[in-house]
């Protein structure tokens, strides 16, 4: 029989999760680390990290004097959004039976958080030229980082929708918040491109000059 070696002194490792389980906020019983709720807040954690990459890129631009003046506000906004995602993560990580113990804006998403995103989004849309078709990420490093965060957040939204469908999300604002958040990141990516005088690459390649078109079927 194999014995697990004793854990060395560590401020991080406890060993309690070595059996593949983890605890929920205000929950008595532990759940598997592959539990849908754990998958949901774990995906939110990924989104926080992806936004960190975008914020770090802004920091480098500022350090080397290449940050466009029109993007001076974005670093503070991304930090705010990262912190708000910790509220999302707390709600997802909480035992549904303890929903009455959650505090709006601290451990549960509320209407005010959603309205805050909508205000930012509406303001940005007045200053950003919107593409008229799907775009390919990668025009700038910053916009690509924001797009990556957006796709991770969309996955978190899908996980949250599944929990909501099963009655595992007592609050009514978390899914709309994630939906609006992903919309905002798409617009932020366009703002990042345009601040560096770059245009988003359309998903459809333009036809080459002189290229013969195939006859229509039928």
C-alpha atoms as a PDB file:
ATOM      1  CA  UNK A   1       0.000   0.000   0.000  1.00  0.00           C
ATOM      2  CA  UNK A   2       1.407   3.378  -1.014  1.00  0.00           C
ATOM      3  CA  UNK A   3       1.558   6.004   1.654  1.00  0.00           C
ATOM      4  CA  UNK A   4       1.356   9.646   0.858  1.00  0.00           C
ATOM      5  CA  UNK A   5       4.442  11.425   2.155  1.00  0.00           C
ATOM      6  CA  UNK A   6       3.935  14.049   4.831  1.00  0.00           C
ATOM      7  CA  UNK A   7       3.417  17.588   3.530  1.00  0.00           C
ATOM      8  CA  UNK A   8       6.334  19.862   4.173  1.00  0.00           C
ATOM      9  CA  UNK A   9       5.633  23.137   5.936  1.00  0.00           C
ATOM     10  CA  UNK A  10       3.754  25.307   3.464  1.00  0.00           C
ATOM     11  CA  UNK A  11       1.579  28.394   3.675  1.00  0.00           C
ATOM     12  CA  UNK A  12      -0.337  27.236   0.583  1.00  0.00           C
ATOM     13  CA  UNK A  13      -0.482  23.444   0.391  1.00  0.00           C
ATOM     14  CA  UNK A  14      -2.812  21.754   2.870  1.00  0.00           C
ATOM     15  CA  UNK A  15      -3.212  18.397   1.157  1.00  0.00           C
ATOM     16  CA  UNK A  16      -6.965  18.385   1.782  1.00  0.00           C
ATOM     17  CA  UNK A  17      -7.633  18.404  -1.945  1.00  0.00           C
ATOM     18  CA  UNK A  18      -5.355  15.492  -2.718  1.00  0.00           C
ATOM     19  CA  UNK A  19      -8.409  13.224  -2.860  1.00  0.00           C
ATOM     20  CA  UNK A  20      -9.879  15.310  -5.683  1.00  0.00           C
ATOM     21  CA  UNK A  21     -12.371  17.253  -3.570  1.00  0.00           C
ATOM     22  CA  UNK A  22     -12.717  20.882  -2.552  1.00  0.00           C
ATOM     23  CA  UNK A  23     -14.941  22.909  -0.261  1.00  0.00           C
ATOM     24  CA  UNK A  24     -17.629  25.454  -1.123  1.00  0.00           C
ATOM     25  CA  UNK A  25     -18.229  28.741   0.650  1.00  0.00           C
ATOM     26  CA  UNK A  26     -20.537  28.153   3.622  1.00  0.00           C
ATOM     27  CA  UNK A  27     -20.789  24.484   2.656  1.00  0.00           C
ATOM     28  CA  UNK A  28     -20.409  21.595   5.057  1.00  0.00           C
ATOM     29  CA  UNK A  29     -19.804  18.794   2.556  1.00  0.00           C
ATOM     30  CA  UNK A  30     -16.925  18.800   0.084  1.00  0.00           C
ATOM     31  CA  UNK A  31     -17.496  18.342  -3.650  1.00  0.00           C
ATOM     32  CA  UNK A  32     -15.396  16.928  -6.456  1.00  0.00           C
ATOM     33  CA  UNK A  33     -13.029  19.267  -8.234  1.00  0.00           C
ATOM     34  CA  UNK A  34     -14.819  18.338 -11.459  1.00  0.00           C
ATOM     35  CA  UNK A  35     -18.171  19.466 -10.046  1.00  0.00           C
ATOM     36  CA  UNK A  36     -20.006  21.816 -12.466  1.00  0.00           C
ATOM     37  CA  UNK A  37     -19.905  24.596  -9.881  1.00  0.00           C
ATOM     38  CA  UNK A  38     -16.155  24.244  -9.453  1.00  0.00           C
ATOM     39  CA  UNK A  39     -15.753  24.187 -13.233  1.00  0.00           C
ATOM     40  CA  UNK A  40     -17.732  27.443 -13.454  1.00  0.00           C
ATOM     41  CA  UNK A  41     -15.775  29.438 -10.902  1.00  0.00           C
ATOM     42  CA  UNK A  42     -12.531  27.913 -12.138  1.00  0.00           C
ATOM     43  CA  UNK A  43     -13.300  29.290 -15.591  1.00  0.00           C
ATOM     44  CA  UNK A  44     -13.956  32.710 -14.081  1.00  0.00           C
ATOM     45  CA  UNK A  45     -10.531  32.439 -12.462  1.00  0.00           C
ATOM     46  CA  UNK A  46      -9.059  31.805 -15.922  1.00  0.00           C
ATOM     47  CA  UNK A  47     -10.744  34.967 -17.185  1.00  0.00           C
ATOM     48  CA  UNK A  48      -9.217  36.970 -14.336  1.00  0.00           C
ATOM     49  CA  UNK A  49      -5.771  35.684 -15.324  1.00  0.00           C
ATOM     50  CA  UNK A  50      -6.366  36.425 -19.011  1.00  0.00           C
ATOM     51  CA  UNK A  51      -7.311  39.998 -18.148  1.00  0.00           C
ATOM     52  CA  UNK A  52      -4.104  40.142 -16.152  1.00  0.00           C
ATOM     53  CA  UNK A  53      -2.155  39.472 -19.345  1.00  0.00           C
ATOM     54  CA  UNK A  54      -3.920  42.400 -21.021  1.00  0.00           C
ATOM     55  CA  UNK A  55      -3.259  44.664 -18.036  1.00  0.00           C
ATOM     56  CA  UNK A  56       0.403  43.638 -17.958  1.00  0.00           C
ATOM     57  CA  UNK A  57       0.701  44.548 -21.633  1.00  0.00           C
ATOM     58  CA  UNK A  58      -0.668  48.002 -20.852  1.00  0.00           C
ATOM     59  CA  UNK A  59       1.897  48.262 -18.073  1.00  0.00           C
ATOM     60  CA  UNK A  60       4.739  47.448 -20.445  1.00  0.00           C
ATOM     61  CA  UNK A  61       3.517  50.013 -22.948  1.00  0.00           C
ATOM     62  CA  UNK A  62       3.464  52.616 -20.199  1.00  0.00           C
ATOM     63  CA  UNK A  63       6.951  51.599 -19.013  1.00  0.00           C
ATOM     64  CA  UNK A  64       8.455  51.941 -22.482  1.00  0.00           C
ATOM     65  CA  UNK A  65       6.545  55.067 -23.411  1.00  0.00           C
ATOM     66  CA  UNK A  66       4.486  53.425 -26.142  1.00  0.00           C
ATOM     67  CA  UNK A  67       1.079  53.590 -24.472  1.00  0.00           C
ATOM     68  CA  UNK A  68      -1.297  55.646 -26.611  1.00  0.00           C
ATOM     69  CA  UNK A  69      -2.742  58.513 -24.532  1.00  0.00           C
ATOM     70  CA  UNK A  70      -6.235  57.387 -25.507  1.00  0.00           C
ATOM     71  CA  UNK A  71      -5.678  54.106 -23.603  1.00  0.00           C
ATOM     72  CA  UNK A  72      -4.471  55.654 -20.356  1.00  0.00           C
ATOM     73  CA  UNK A  73      -7.765  54.747 -18.670  1.00  0.00           C
ATOM     74  CA  UNK A  74      -7.871  51.092 -19.641  1.00  0.00           C
ATOM     75  CA  UNK A  75      -5.499  49.687 -17.007  1.00  0.00           C
ATOM     76  CA  UNK A  76      -7.630  50.962 -14.125  1.00  0.00           C
ATOM     77  CA  UNK A  77     -10.772  49.643 -15.792  1.00  0.00           C
ATOM     78  CA  UNK A  78      -9.295  46.170 -16.272  1.00  0.00           C
ATOM     79  CA  UNK A  79      -8.250  46.052 -12.622  1.00  0.00           C
ATOM     80  CA  UNK A  80     -11.783  47.008 -11.617  1.00  0.00           C
ATOM     81  CA  UNK A  81     -13.198  44.281 -13.846  1.00  0.00           C
ATOM     82  CA  UNK A  82     -10.796  41.690 -12.435  1.00  0.00           C
ATOM     83  CA  UNK A  83     -11.922  42.559  -8.921  1.00  0.00           C
ATOM     84  CA  UNK A  84     -15.573  42.310  -9.923  1.00  0.00           C
ATOM     85  CA  UNK A  85     -14.945  38.821 -11.267  1.00  0.00           C
ATOM     86  CA  UNK A  86     -13.942  37.801  -7.757  1.00  0.00           C
ATOM     87  CA  UNK A  87     -17.514  38.645  -6.753  1.00  0.00           C
ATOM     88  CA  UNK A  88     -18.757  36.408  -9.573  1.00  0.00           C
ATOM     89  CA  UNK A  89     -16.421  33.653  -8.420  1.00  0.00           C
ATOM     90  CA  UNK A  90     -17.655  33.941  -4.843  1.00  0.00           C
ATOM     91  CA  UNK A  91     -21.281  33.544  -5.883  1.00  0.00           C
ATOM     92  CA  UNK A  92     -20.455  30.537  -8.018  1.00  0.00           C
ATOM     93  CA  UNK A  93     -18.324  29.005  -5.262  1.00  0.00           C
ATOM     94  CA  UNK A  94     -20.988  29.341  -2.576  1.00  0.00           C
ATOM     95  CA  UNK A  95     -23.209  26.506  -1.387  1.00  0.00           C
ATOM     96  CA  UNK A  96     -26.667  27.262  -2.895  1.00  0.00           C
ATOM     97  CA  UNK A  97     -28.221  26.475   0.479  1.00  0.00           C
ATOM     98  CA  UNK A  98     -26.359  29.450   1.937  1.00  0.00           C
ATOM     99  CA  UNK A  99     -27.569  31.988  -0.643  1.00  0.00           C
ATOM    100  CA  UNK A 100     -29.036  34.194   2.083  1.00  0.00           C
ATOM    101  CA  UNK A 101     -25.558  34.707   3.510  1.00  0.00           C
ATOM    102  CA  UNK A 102     -24.165  36.313   0.360  1.00  0.00           C
ATOM    103  CA  UNK A 103     -23.762  40.091   0.173  1.00  0.00           C
ATOM    104  CA  UNK A 104     -24.518  42.007  -3.003  1.00  0.00           C
ATOM    105  CA  UNK A 105     -21.398  43.519  -4.532  1.00  0.00           C
ATOM    106  CA  UNK A 106     -19.128  41.446  -2.288  1.00  0.00           C
ATOM    107  CA  UNK A 107     -20.085  37.820  -2.758  1.00  0.00           C
ATOM    108  CA  UNK A 108     -23.106  38.088  -5.067  1.00  0.00           C
ATOM    109  CA  UNK A 109     -23.646  39.931  -8.343  1.00  0.00           C
ATOM    110  CA  UNK A 110     -26.288  42.638  -8.122  1.00  0.00           C
ATOM    111  CA  UNK A 111     -28.137  44.952 -10.479  1.00  0.00           C
ATOM    112  CA  UNK A 112     -25.712  47.785  -9.731  1.00  0.00           C
ATOM    113  CA  UNK A 113     -22.781  45.769 -11.094  1.00  0.00           C
ATOM    114  CA  UNK A 114     -24.665  45.028 -14.297  1.00  0.00           C
ATOM    115  CA  UNK A 115     -25.685  48.661 -14.704  1.00  0.00           C
ATOM    116  CA  UNK A 116     -22.064  49.696 -14.249  1.00  0.00           C
ATOM    117  CA  UNK A 117     -20.990  47.528 -17.178  1.00  0.00           C
ATOM    118  CA  UNK A 118     -23.806  48.827 -19.347  1.00  0.00           C
ATOM    119  CA  UNK A 119     -22.798  52.426 -18.624  1.00  0.00           C
ATOM    120  CA  UNK A 120     -19.190  51.750 -19.642  1.00  0.00           C
ATOM    121  CA  UNK A 121     -20.294  49.858 -22.734  1.00  0.00           C
ATOM    122  CA  UNK A 122     -22.639  52.616 -23.876  1.00  0.00           C
ATOM    123  CA  UNK A 123     -19.933  55.235 -23.461  1.00  0.00           C
ATOM    124  CA  UNK A 124     -17.361  53.198 -25.386  1.00  0.00           C
ATOM    125  CA  UNK A 125     -19.720  52.522 -28.257  1.00  0.00           C
ATOM    126  CA  UNK A 126     -19.959  56.272 -28.841  1.00  0.00           C
ATOM    127  CA  UNK A 127     -16.205  56.489 -29.403  1.00  0.00           C
ATOM    128  CA  UNK A 128     -15.352  53.228 -31.173  1.00  0.00           C
ATOM    129  CA  UNK A 129     -15.988  52.405 -34.815  1.00  0.00           C
ATOM    130  CA  UNK A 130     -17.703  49.033 -34.939  1.00  0.00           C
ATOM    131  CA  UNK A 131     -16.789  46.455 -37.607  1.00  0.00           C
ATOM    132  CA  UNK A 132     -19.704  45.295 -39.712  1.00  0.00           C
ATOM    133  CA  UNK A 133     -18.698  41.637 -39.731  1.00  0.00           C
ATOM    134  CA  UNK A 134     -16.877  39.039 -37.672  1.00  0.00           C
ATOM    135  CA  UNK A 135     -13.205  39.784 -37.063  1.00  0.00           C
ATOM    136  CA  UNK A 136     -10.062  37.698 -36.585  1.00  0.00           C
ATOM    137  CA  UNK A 137      -8.210  38.427 -33.315  1.00  0.00           C
ATOM    138  CA  UNK A 138      -4.515  39.258 -33.441  1.00  0.00           C
ATOM    139  CA  UNK A 139      -4.204  42.737 -34.915  1.00  0.00           C
ATOM    140  CA  UNK A 140      -2.399  43.868 -31.743  1.00  0.00           C
ATOM    141  CA  UNK A 141      -1.127  41.974 -28.716  1.00  0.00           C
ATOM    142  CA  UNK A 142      -3.407  43.921 -26.382  1.00  0.00           C
ATOM    143  CA  UNK A 143      -6.549  43.376 -28.435  1.00  0.00           C
ATOM    144  CA  UNK A 144      -5.713  39.678 -28.781  1.00  0.00           C
ATOM    145  CA  UNK A 145      -5.356  39.380 -24.985  1.00  0.00           C
ATOM    146  CA  UNK A 146      -8.737  41.015 -24.523  1.00  0.00           C
ATOM    147  CA  UNK A 147     -10.292  38.660 -27.083  1.00  0.00           C
ATOM    148  CA  UNK A 148      -8.800  35.675 -25.269  1.00  0.00           C
ATOM    149  CA  UNK A 149     -10.306  36.899 -22.008  1.00  0.00           C
ATOM    150  CA  UNK A 150     -13.637  37.328 -23.806  1.00  0.00           C
ATOM    151  CA  UNK A 151     -13.697  33.741 -25.057  1.00  0.00           C
ATOM    152  CA  UNK A 152     -12.817  32.400 -21.601  1.00  0.00           C
ATOM    153  CA  UNK A 153     -15.593  34.515 -20.131  1.00  0.00           C
ATOM    154  CA  UNK A 154     -18.049  33.126 -22.670  1.00  0.00           C
ATOM    155  CA  UNK A 155     -17.133  29.641 -21.466  1.00  0.00           C
ATOM    156  CA  UNK A 156     -17.761  30.752 -17.886  1.00  0.00           C
ATOM    157  CA  UNK A 157     -21.130  32.076 -19.020  1.00  0.00           C
ATOM    158  CA  UNK A 158     -22.026  28.716 -20.557  1.00  0.00           C
ATOM    159  CA  UNK A 159     -21.101  26.948 -17.314  1.00  0.00           C
ATOM    160  CA  UNK A 160     -23.194  29.435 -15.337  1.00  0.00           C
ATOM    161  CA  UNK A 161     -26.180  28.955 -17.649  1.00  0.00           C
ATOM    162  CA  UNK A 162     -26.043  25.210 -16.989  1.00  0.00           C
ATOM    163  CA  UNK A 163     -26.071  25.840 -13.232  1.00  0.00           C
ATOM    164  CA  UNK A 164     -28.944  28.282 -13.590  1.00  0.00           C
ATOM    165  CA  UNK A 165     -30.954  25.779 -15.616  1.00  0.00           C
ATOM    166  CA  UNK A 166     -30.528  23.249 -12.810  1.00  0.00           C
ATOM    167  CA  UNK A 167     -31.676  25.732 -10.189  1.00  0.00           C
ATOM    168  CA  UNK A 168     -28.203  26.060  -8.716  1.00  0.00           C
ATOM    169  CA  UNK A 169     -27.966  29.859  -9.055  1.00  0.00           C
ATOM    170  CA  UNK A 170     -30.423  31.561  -6.725  1.00  0.00           C
ATOM    171  CA  UNK A 171     -29.391  35.060  -7.842  1.00  0.00           C
ATOM    172  CA  UNK A 172     -30.745  36.494 -11.073  1.00  0.00           C
ATOM    173  CA  UNK A 173     -27.959  38.850 -12.148  1.00  0.00           C
ATOM    174  CA  UNK A 174     -24.878  36.680 -12.626  1.00  0.00           C
ATOM    175  CA  UNK A 175     -25.624  35.319 -16.101  1.00  0.00           C
ATOM    176  CA  UNK A 176     -26.670  38.706 -17.563  1.00  0.00           C
ATOM    177  CA  UNK A 177     -23.553  40.207 -16.003  1.00  0.00           C
ATOM    178  CA  UNK A 178     -21.260  37.684 -17.701  1.00  0.00           C
ATOM    179  CA  UNK A 179     -23.063  38.199 -20.990  1.00  0.00           C
ATOM    180  CA  UNK A 180     -22.608  41.971 -20.849  1.00  0.00           C
ATOM    181  CA  UNK A 181     -19.024  41.597 -19.634  1.00  0.00           C
ATOM    182  CA  UNK A 182     -18.087  39.577 -22.728  1.00  0.00           C
ATOM    183  CA  UNK A 183     -19.735  42.209 -24.942  1.00  0.00           C
ATOM    184  CA  UNK A 184     -17.665  44.886 -23.226  1.00  0.00           C
ATOM    185  CA  UNK A 185     -14.423  42.989 -23.794  1.00  0.00           C
ATOM    186  CA  UNK A 186     -15.170  42.762 -27.505  1.00  0.00           C
ATOM    187  CA  UNK A 187     -15.585  46.527 -27.685  1.00  0.00           C
ATOM    188  CA  UNK A 188     -12.464  47.067 -25.561  1.00  0.00           C
ATOM    189  CA  UNK A 189     -10.492  44.976 -28.053  1.00  0.00           C
ATOM    190  CA  UNK A 190     -11.690  47.229 -30.874  1.00  0.00           C
ATOM    191  CA  UNK A 191     -10.793  50.314 -28.816  1.00  0.00           C
ATOM    192  CA  UNK A 192      -7.302  48.890 -28.265  1.00  0.00           C
ATOM    193  CA  UNK A 193      -6.813  48.352 -31.995  1.00  0.00           C
ATOM    194  CA  UNK A 194      -8.069  51.750 -33.008  1.00  0.00           C
ATOM    195  CA  UNK A 195      -5.944  53.524 -30.389  1.00  0.00           C
ATOM    196  CA  UNK A 196      -2.906  52.127 -32.204  1.00  0.00           C
ATOM    197  CA  UNK A 197      -4.338  53.039 -35.612  1.00  0.00           C
ATOM    198  CA  UNK A 198      -5.025  49.432 -36.509  1.00  0.00           C
ATOM    199  CA  UNK A 199      -8.178  48.049 -38.055  1.00  0.00           C
ATOM    200  CA  UNK A 200      -9.704  44.710 -37.095  1.00  0.00           C
ATOM    201  CA  UNK A 201      -9.034  41.958 -39.630  1.00  0.00           C
ATOM    202  CA  UNK A 202     -12.312  40.733 -41.174  1.00  0.00           C
ATOM    203  CA  UNK A 203     -13.080  37.044 -40.901  1.00  0.00           C
ATOM    204  CA  UNK A 204     -13.743  36.763 -44.639  1.00  0.00           C
ATOM    205  CA  UNK A 205     -10.806  37.218 -46.975  1.00  0.00           C
ATOM    206  CA  UNK A 206     -11.375  39.729 -49.752  1.00  0.00           C
ATOM    207  CA  UNK A 207     -11.550  38.081 -53.184  1.00  0.00           C
ATOM    208  CA  UNK A 208      -8.360  38.409 -55.212  1.00  0.00           C
ATOM    209  CA  UNK A 209      -8.417  40.655 -58.237  1.00  0.00           C
ATOM    210  CA  UNK A 210      -9.049  38.660 -61.369  1.00  0.00           C
ATOM    211  CA  UNK A 211     -10.109  35.574 -59.456  1.00  0.00           C
ATOM    212  CA  UNK A 212     -12.799  33.603 -61.237  1.00  0.00           C
ATOM    213  CA  UNK A 213     -15.988  33.159 -59.279  1.00  0.00           C
ATOM    214  CA  UNK A 214     -17.596  29.742 -59.206  1.00  0.00           C
ATOM    215  CA  UNK A 215     -20.948  29.582 -60.975  1.00  0.00           C
ATOM    216  CA  UNK A 216     -23.959  29.410 -58.666  1.00  0.00           C
ATOM    217  CA  UNK A 217     -25.272  25.925 -57.975  1.00  0.00           C
ATOM    218  CA  UNK A 218     -28.439  24.795 -59.701  1.00  0.00           C
END
